[in-house]
Every structure is written in structure tokens, then in C-alpha cells.
Amino acid sequence: MSDLLKMPSDFCIQLVDVVDPCPSHQHDYLELAYICQGWTQHTLNGKSQKLSAGDFVLVDDKEVHSYDVVGQHLKAVNCMFRPAMIDGALGHCRSFQEVLDSYTLGMGYTRGSFLRKQKIFHDDTGEIRQILDRMLLESQTQAARYFPMIRAMLTELIILVVRMVKQQESTVGQFSVQWMMDEIHRNPGK
């Protein structure tokens, strides 16, 4: 597992069979860790949570994380990159939030700091896994102009995460409004 902590260039993607726990560590790149099979007890910045197939976690530069307990047959895709790999103007970015806030990708998206609070998502549609699988294939075959193709897929991946964030924000907002409406109907005098 210690080999995974080293990244020789600005981008690396690996499908890994994880058989042993991975101690707390940090790195100088962004990582999207996707659980393909099995489960693990994962800790990020002191907060522990069980991750299962379809879950993925966004780990920023210098964040501390670990795989504390590893279930049988755990397979994960680790997509690690420095934002400058996407565009040199993103070289200053040290978090997924900063990448999303950047106008370089044409997003300038976020309101507040949602990705500073929420780091774990579930791939309900399988789209994230499909992109990761395509990126793995490109990285392995290294067909002509594979690196620009990986760059494009990484941008697509980030856009899909933005959509998940927006969907989760709207769901949370709807729940809050619904709760208030129910409370008003139950006790209009208050």
C-alpha cells in the first residue's frame, strides 16, 4: 500500500486489491478513492465512516486519511492528480473545492464550502465508475494522445461530482423546507 502514496507524475490511476489496513497518511495531490467491491472503515481528518461498493471519497492535499479496517475482497480505484494536470492555471489549487471554485474550468460553481463539509458520496448511477474504468483503460493501453483523453475524462468526472453536490444540496434544502412546512401545519400558533 505504501507504493500508492507516491505519485511519479501529475496523474496516476490504479485498481488495487486492498488486503491490509493503510495507516494514517497525507499526500501532496488530490485523490478520488472509489470502492469497487467490499468495504472498509475509512477515517478522514479524524472522522470515521464505513465505505462500501459504490462509495467514493474526495481527499484534498494534506488531508489525513486511513483505511482502518479492511473487509474481504476490497477493491478500490485510486485516481490521484495534481490540478495543474488539468490546466496549468489550476496549479495553485490544493482542494477539490478550489478546483470547483475556479473559473478556469468554466465552472465558478460553488456557493459556500460544501465540499469542505461533505467528502463522501455514493455513485447511484454508476457514471463515476464508468469514467474511472475508461481512465484506467486509457492509462494502461496508452493509445495515441491518451493523456489529453484522460484530462478530458478527469474534467468530466469533476463535472459529475458538481452535479452530485448540487443534487445533494437541493435534497437537503427540500427536506429542511418540508420539515418547516410540516411544523407550521402541526402548530400554526407558534
C-alpha atoms as a PDB file:
ATOM      1  CA  MET A   1       0.000   0.000   0.000  1.00  0.00           C
ATOM      2  CA  SER A   2       2.895   2.385   0.622  1.00  0.00           C
ATOM      3  CA  ASP A   3       3.629   2.420  -3.126  1.00  0.00           C
ATOM      4  CA  LEU A   4       0.230   4.051  -3.616  1.00  0.00           C
ATOM      5  CA  LEU A   5       1.326   7.063  -1.591  1.00  0.00           C
ATOM      6  CA  LYS A   6       3.970   8.007  -4.146  1.00  0.00           C
ATOM      7  CA  MET A   7       2.925   9.588  -7.409  1.00  0.00           C
ATOM      8  CA  PRO A   8       5.680   9.842 -10.024  1.00  0.00           C
ATOM      9  CA  SER A   9       3.911  12.422 -12.232  1.00  0.00           C
ATOM     10  CA  ASP A  10       0.910  14.743 -12.093  1.00  0.00           C
ATOM     11  CA  PHE A  11      -1.525  11.878 -12.604  1.00  0.00           C
ATOM     12  CA  CYS A  12      -1.901   8.257 -11.553  1.00  0.00           C
ATOM     13  CA  ILE A  13      -4.838   5.861 -11.566  1.00  0.00           C
ATOM     14  CA  GLN A  14      -4.768   2.337 -10.149  1.00  0.00           C
ATOM     15  CA  LEU A  15      -7.147  -0.511  -9.468  1.00  0.00           C
ATOM     16  CA  VAL A  16      -5.964  -2.010  -6.193  1.00  0.00           C
ATOM     17  CA  ASP A  17      -6.740  -5.128  -4.191  1.00  0.00           C
ATOM     18  CA  VAL A  18      -6.509  -3.866  -0.624  1.00  0.00           C
ATOM     19  CA  VAL A  19      -5.735  -6.678   1.814  1.00  0.00           C
ATOM     20  CA  ASP A  20      -4.174  -4.798   4.734  1.00  0.00           C
ATOM     21  CA  PRO A  21      -5.204  -1.648   6.583  1.00  0.00           C
ATOM     22  CA  CYS A  22      -3.463   1.505   5.429  1.00  0.00           C
ATOM     23  CA  PRO A  23      -2.173   3.723   8.253  1.00  0.00           C
ATOM     24  CA  SER A  24      -2.906   7.443   8.518  1.00  0.00           C
ATOM     25  CA  HIS A  25      -1.145   9.390   5.822  1.00  0.00           C
ATOM     26  CA  GLN A  26      -1.330  12.529   3.718  1.00  0.00           C
ATOM     27  CA  HIS A  27      -0.043  13.467   0.302  1.00  0.00           C
ATOM     28  CA  ASP A  28       0.584  16.441  -1.974  1.00  0.00           C
ATOM     29  CA  TYR A  29      -2.101  15.752  -4.566  1.00  0.00           C
ATOM     30  CA  LEU A  30      -5.865  15.298  -4.784  1.00  0.00           C
ATOM     31  CA  GLU A  31      -7.312  11.819  -4.630  1.00  0.00           C
ATOM     32  CA  LEU A  32     -10.644  10.314  -5.525  1.00  0.00           C
ATOM     33  CA  ALA A  33     -10.799   6.878  -3.890  1.00  0.00           C
ATOM     34  CA  TYR A  34     -13.648   4.736  -5.225  1.00  0.00           C
ATOM     35  CA  ILE A  35     -14.720   1.480  -3.566  1.00  0.00           C
ATOM     36  CA  CYS A  36     -15.452  -1.049  -6.321  1.00  0.00           C
ATOM     37  CA  GLN A  37     -16.017  -4.115  -4.179  1.00  0.00           C
ATOM     38  CA  GLY A  38     -16.090  -4.997  -0.494  1.00  0.00           C
ATOM     39  CA  TRP A  39     -15.978  -2.491   2.342  1.00  0.00           C
ATOM     40  CA  THR A  40     -13.596  -0.580   4.594  1.00  0.00           C
ATOM     41  CA  GLN A  41     -13.698   1.573   7.698  1.00  0.00           C
ATOM     42  CA  HIS A  42     -12.185   4.818   6.436  1.00  0.00           C
ATOM     43  CA  THR A  43     -11.055   7.790   8.518  1.00  0.00           C
ATOM     44  CA  LEU A  44     -10.669  11.262   7.044  1.00  0.00           C
ATOM     45  CA  ASN A  45      -9.498  14.110   9.263  1.00  0.00           C
ATOM     46  CA  GLY A  46     -10.475  12.191  12.394  1.00  0.00           C
ATOM     47  CA  LYS A  47     -13.984  11.282  11.201  1.00  0.00           C
ATOM     48  CA  SER A  48     -14.508   7.565  10.642  1.00  0.00           C
ATOM     49  CA  GLN A  49     -17.114   6.095   8.302  1.00  0.00           C
ATOM     50  CA  LYS A  50     -17.785   2.752   6.654  1.00  0.00           C
ATOM     51  CA  LEU A  51     -17.404   2.803   2.868  1.00  0.00           C
ATOM     52  CA  SER A  52     -18.939   0.120   0.642  1.00  0.00           C
ATOM     53  CA  ALA A  53     -19.094  -0.613  -3.069  1.00  0.00           C
ATOM     54  CA  GLY A  54     -20.139   2.500  -4.995  1.00  0.00           C
ATOM     55  CA  ASP A  55     -18.943   4.946  -2.332  1.00  0.00           C
ATOM     56  CA  PHE A  56     -16.165   7.364  -3.103  1.00  0.00           C
ATOM     57  CA  VAL A  57     -14.242   9.874  -1.061  1.00  0.00           C
ATOM     58  CA  LEU A  58     -12.565  13.105  -2.129  1.00  0.00           C
ATOM     59  CA  VAL A  59      -9.259  13.655  -0.354  1.00  0.00           C
ATOM     60  CA  ASP A  60      -7.591  17.068  -0.600  1.00  0.00           C
ATOM     61  CA  ASP A  61      -3.898  17.867  -0.496  1.00  0.00           C
ATOM     62  CA  LYS A  62      -2.524  17.434   3.056  1.00  0.00           C
ATOM     63  CA  GLU A  63      -5.710  15.871   4.455  1.00  0.00           C
ATOM     64  CA  VAL A  64      -5.042  12.894   6.711  1.00  0.00           C
ATOM     65  CA  HIS A  65      -6.827   9.646   5.952  1.00  0.00           C
ATOM     66  CA  SER A  66      -6.545   5.900   6.545  1.00  0.00           C
ATOM     67  CA  TYR A  67      -8.184   2.565   5.889  1.00  0.00           C
ATOM     68  CA  ASP A  68      -8.511   1.279   9.456  1.00  0.00           C
ATOM     69  CA  VAL A  69     -10.345  -1.982   8.880  1.00  0.00           C
ATOM     70  CA  VAL A  70     -10.446  -3.759   5.548  1.00  0.00           C
ATOM     71  CA  GLY A  71     -13.193  -6.221   4.636  1.00  0.00           C
ATOM     72  CA  GLN A  72     -12.544  -9.253   2.482  1.00  0.00           C
ATOM     73  CA  HIS A  73     -12.156  -8.700  -1.256  1.00  0.00           C
ATOM     74  CA  LEU A  74     -11.774  -4.923  -1.031  1.00  0.00           C
ATOM     75  CA  LYS A  75     -11.035  -3.413  -4.432  1.00  0.00           C
ATOM     76  CA  ALA A  76     -10.611   0.301  -4.919  1.00  0.00           C
ATOM     77  CA  VAL A  77      -9.733   2.668  -7.726  1.00  0.00           C
ATOM     78  CA  ASN A  78      -7.402   5.438  -6.632  1.00  0.00           C
ATOM     79  CA  CYS A  79      -7.414   8.388  -9.015  1.00  0.00           C
ATOM     80  CA  MET A  80      -4.663  10.760  -7.902  1.00  0.00           C
ATOM     81  CA  PHE A  81      -3.765  14.012  -9.613  1.00  0.00           C
ATOM     82  CA  ARG A  82      -2.418  17.488  -9.240  1.00  0.00           C
ATOM     83  CA  PRO A  83      -4.889  20.081 -10.547  1.00  0.00           C
ATOM     84  CA  ALA A  84      -2.225  21.586 -12.841  1.00  0.00           C
ATOM     85  CA  MET A  85      -2.521  18.365 -14.852  1.00  0.00           C
ATOM     86  CA  ILE A  86      -5.965  19.529 -15.988  1.00  0.00           C
ATOM     87  CA  ASP A  87      -4.857  23.097 -16.637  1.00  0.00           C
ATOM     88  CA  GLY A  88      -1.690  24.939 -15.589  1.00  0.00           C
ATOM     89  CA  ALA A  89      -3.829  27.765 -14.207  1.00  0.00           C
ATOM     90  CA  LEU A  90      -5.094  25.339 -11.529  1.00  0.00           C
ATOM     91  CA  GLY A  91      -1.599  24.822 -10.124  1.00  0.00           C
ATOM     92  CA  HIS A  92      -2.451  26.826  -7.005  1.00  0.00           C
ATOM     93  CA  CYS A  93      -5.444  24.602  -6.115  1.00  0.00           C
ATOM     94  CA  ARG A  94      -4.977  22.333  -3.115  1.00  0.00           C
ATOM     95  CA  SER A  95      -8.556  21.105  -2.738  1.00  0.00           C
ATOM     96  CA  PHE A  96     -11.480  19.890  -4.801  1.00  0.00           C
ATOM     97  CA  GLN A  97     -13.365  22.962  -3.558  1.00  0.00           C
ATOM     98  CA  GLU A  98     -10.725  25.281  -5.053  1.00  0.00           C
ATOM     99  CA  VAL A  99     -10.871  23.399  -8.361  1.00  0.00           C
ATOM    100  CA  LEU A 100     -14.652  23.784  -8.444  1.00  0.00           C
ATOM    101  CA  ASP A 101     -14.450  27.455  -7.489  1.00  0.00           C
ATOM    102  CA  SER A 102     -12.009  28.145 -10.299  1.00  0.00           C
ATOM    103  CA  TYR A 103     -13.271  29.784 -13.450  1.00  0.00           C
ATOM    104  CA  THR A 104     -10.537  28.009 -15.413  1.00  0.00           C
ATOM    105  CA  LEU A 105     -12.835  25.035 -15.951  1.00  0.00           C
ATOM    106  CA  GLY A 106     -15.715  27.368 -16.719  1.00  0.00           C
ATOM    107  CA  MET A 107     -17.491  26.391 -13.524  1.00  0.00           C
ATOM    108  CA  GLY A 108     -17.055  29.080 -10.889  1.00  0.00           C
ATOM    109  CA  TYR A 109     -19.690  26.905  -9.328  1.00  0.00           C
ATOM    110  CA  THR A 110     -19.936  26.695  -5.640  1.00  0.00           C
ATOM    111  CA  ARG A 111     -21.887  28.640  -3.114  1.00  0.00           C
ATOM    112  CA  GLY A 112     -20.321  28.295   0.278  1.00  0.00           C
ATOM    113  CA  SER A 113     -17.976  25.476   1.043  1.00  0.00           C
ATOM    114  CA  PHE A 114     -19.988  22.309   0.618  1.00  0.00           C
ATOM    115  CA  LEU A 115     -17.002  20.082  -0.242  1.00  0.00           C
ATOM    116  CA  ARG A 116     -15.212  21.164   2.899  1.00  0.00           C
ATOM    117  CA  LYS A 117     -18.011  19.532   4.894  1.00  0.00           C
ATOM    118  CA  GLN A 118     -19.097  16.665   2.638  1.00  0.00           C
ATOM    119  CA  LYS A 119     -16.344  14.421   1.267  1.00  0.00           C
ATOM    120  CA  ILE A 120     -18.067  11.072   0.811  1.00  0.00           C
ATOM    121  CA  PHE A 121     -20.583  10.359  -1.929  1.00  0.00           C
ATOM    122  CA  HIS A 122     -22.333   7.357  -3.433  1.00  0.00           C
ATOM    123  CA  ASP A 123     -22.336   6.682  -7.166  1.00  0.00           C
ATOM    124  CA  ASP A 124     -26.045   5.901  -7.587  1.00  0.00           C
ATOM    125  CA  THR A 125     -25.949   5.849 -11.388  1.00  0.00           C
ATOM    126  CA  GLY A 126     -22.581   4.146 -11.922  1.00  0.00           C
ATOM    127  CA  GLU A 127     -21.365   7.070 -14.058  1.00  0.00           C
ATOM    128  CA  ILE A 128     -18.349   7.774 -11.859  1.00  0.00           C
ATOM    129  CA  ARG A 129     -17.254   4.125 -12.055  1.00  0.00           C
ATOM    130  CA  GLN A 130     -17.650   4.119 -15.851  1.00  0.00           C
ATOM    131  CA  ILE A 131     -15.378   7.133 -16.224  1.00  0.00           C
ATOM    132  CA  LEU A 132     -12.809   5.648 -13.852  1.00  0.00           C
ATOM    133  CA  ASP A 133     -12.835   2.386 -15.839  1.00  0.00           C
ATOM    134  CA  ARG A 134     -12.289   4.311 -19.087  1.00  0.00           C
ATOM    135  CA  MET A 135      -9.448   6.257 -17.471  1.00  0.00           C
ATOM    136  CA  LEU A 136      -7.852   3.001 -16.271  1.00  0.00           C
ATOM    137  CA  LEU A 137      -8.048   1.579 -19.787  1.00  0.00           C
ATOM    138  CA  GLU A 138      -6.532   4.707 -21.334  1.00  0.00           C
ATOM    139  CA  SER A 139      -3.748   4.689 -18.761  1.00  0.00           C
ATOM    140  CA  GLN A 140      -2.976   1.007 -19.402  1.00  0.00           C
ATOM    141  CA  THR A 141      -3.142   0.998 -23.218  1.00  0.00           C
ATOM    142  CA  GLN A 142      -1.597   4.445 -23.716  1.00  0.00           C
ATOM    143  CA  ALA A 143      -3.025   4.791 -27.217  1.00  0.00           C
ATOM    144  CA  ALA A 144      -2.102   7.867 -29.260  1.00  0.00           C
ATOM    145  CA  ARG A 145      -2.926  11.076 -27.366  1.00  0.00           C
ATOM    146  CA  TYR A 146      -4.076   9.147 -24.295  1.00  0.00           C
ATOM    147  CA  PHE A 147      -3.062  11.889 -21.873  1.00  0.00           C
ATOM    148  CA  PRO A 148      -5.378  14.572 -23.350  1.00  0.00           C
ATOM    149  CA  MET A 149      -8.127  11.934 -23.303  1.00  0.00           C
ATOM    150  CA  ILE A 150      -7.503  11.267 -19.595  1.00  0.00           C
ATOM    151  CA  ARG A 151      -7.511  15.021 -18.963  1.00  0.00           C
ATOM    152  CA  ALA A 152     -10.912  15.310 -20.662  1.00  0.00           C
ATOM    153  CA  MET A 153     -12.309  12.389 -18.660  1.00  0.00           C
ATOM    154  CA  LEU A 154     -10.995  13.889 -15.418  1.00  0.00           C
ATOM    155  CA  THR A 155     -12.796  17.129 -16.254  1.00  0.00           C
ATOM    156  CA  GLU A 156     -15.962  15.120 -16.946  1.00  0.00           C
ATOM    157  CA  LEU A 157     -15.513  13.356 -13.598  1.00  0.00           C
ATOM    158  CA  ILE A 158     -15.260  16.687 -11.767  1.00  0.00           C
ATOM    159  CA  ILE A 159     -18.400  17.961 -13.513  1.00  0.00           C
ATOM    160  CA  LEU A 160     -20.314  14.844 -12.437  1.00  0.00           C
ATOM    161  CA  VAL A 161     -19.200  15.438  -8.838  1.00  0.00           C
ATOM    162  CA  VAL A 162     -20.533  19.004  -9.141  1.00  0.00           C
ATOM    163  CA  ARG A 163     -23.878  17.596 -10.258  1.00  0.00           C
ATOM    164  CA  MET A 164     -23.932  15.242  -7.267  1.00  0.00           C
ATOM    165  CA  VAL A 165     -23.174  18.152  -4.944  1.00  0.00           C
ATOM    166  CA  LYS A 166     -25.985  20.217  -6.460  1.00  0.00           C
ATOM    167  CA  GLN A 167     -28.401  17.302  -6.206  1.00  0.00           C
ATOM    168  CA  GLN A 168     -27.456  16.674  -2.584  1.00  0.00           C
ATOM    169  CA  GLU A 169     -27.764  20.387  -1.734  1.00  0.00           C
ATOM    170  CA  SER A 170     -31.239  20.578  -3.271  1.00  0.00           C
ATOM    171  CA  THR A 171     -32.337  17.397  -1.467  1.00  0.00           C
ATOM    172  CA  VAL A 172     -31.132  18.799   1.856  1.00  0.00           C
ATOM    173  CA  GLY A 173     -32.880  22.086   1.099  1.00  0.00           C
ATOM    174  CA  GLN A 174     -36.146  20.344   0.223  1.00  0.00           C
ATOM    175  CA  PHE A 175     -36.029  18.334   3.446  1.00  0.00           C
ATOM    176  CA  SER A 176     -35.488  21.477   5.526  1.00  0.00           C
ATOM    177  CA  VAL A 177     -38.343  23.325   3.858  1.00  0.00           C
ATOM    178  CA  GLN A 178     -40.641  20.301   4.159  1.00  0.00           C
ATOM    179  CA  TRP A 179     -39.842  19.985   7.863  1.00  0.00           C
ATOM    180  CA  MET A 180     -40.741  23.659   8.382  1.00  0.00           C
ATOM    181  CA  MET A 181     -43.984  23.291   6.401  1.00  0.00           C
ATOM    182  CA  ASP A 182     -44.983  20.234   8.459  1.00  0.00           C
ATOM    183  CA  GLU A 183     -44.237  22.123  11.672  1.00  0.00           C
ATOM    184  CA  ILE A 184     -46.358  25.101  10.569  1.00  0.00           C
ATOM    185  CA  HIS A 185     -49.300  22.825   9.756  1.00  0.00           C
ATOM    186  CA  ARG A 186     -48.991  20.984  13.095  1.00  0.00           C
ATOM    187  CA  ASN A 187     -48.774  24.098  15.202  1.00  0.00           C
ATOM    188  CA  PRO A 188     -49.719  27.281  13.302  1.00  0.00           C
ATOM    189  CA  GLY A 189     -49.922  29.344  16.513  1.00  0.00           C
ATOM    190  CA  LYS A 190     -46.183  29.063  17.142  1.00  0.00           C
END
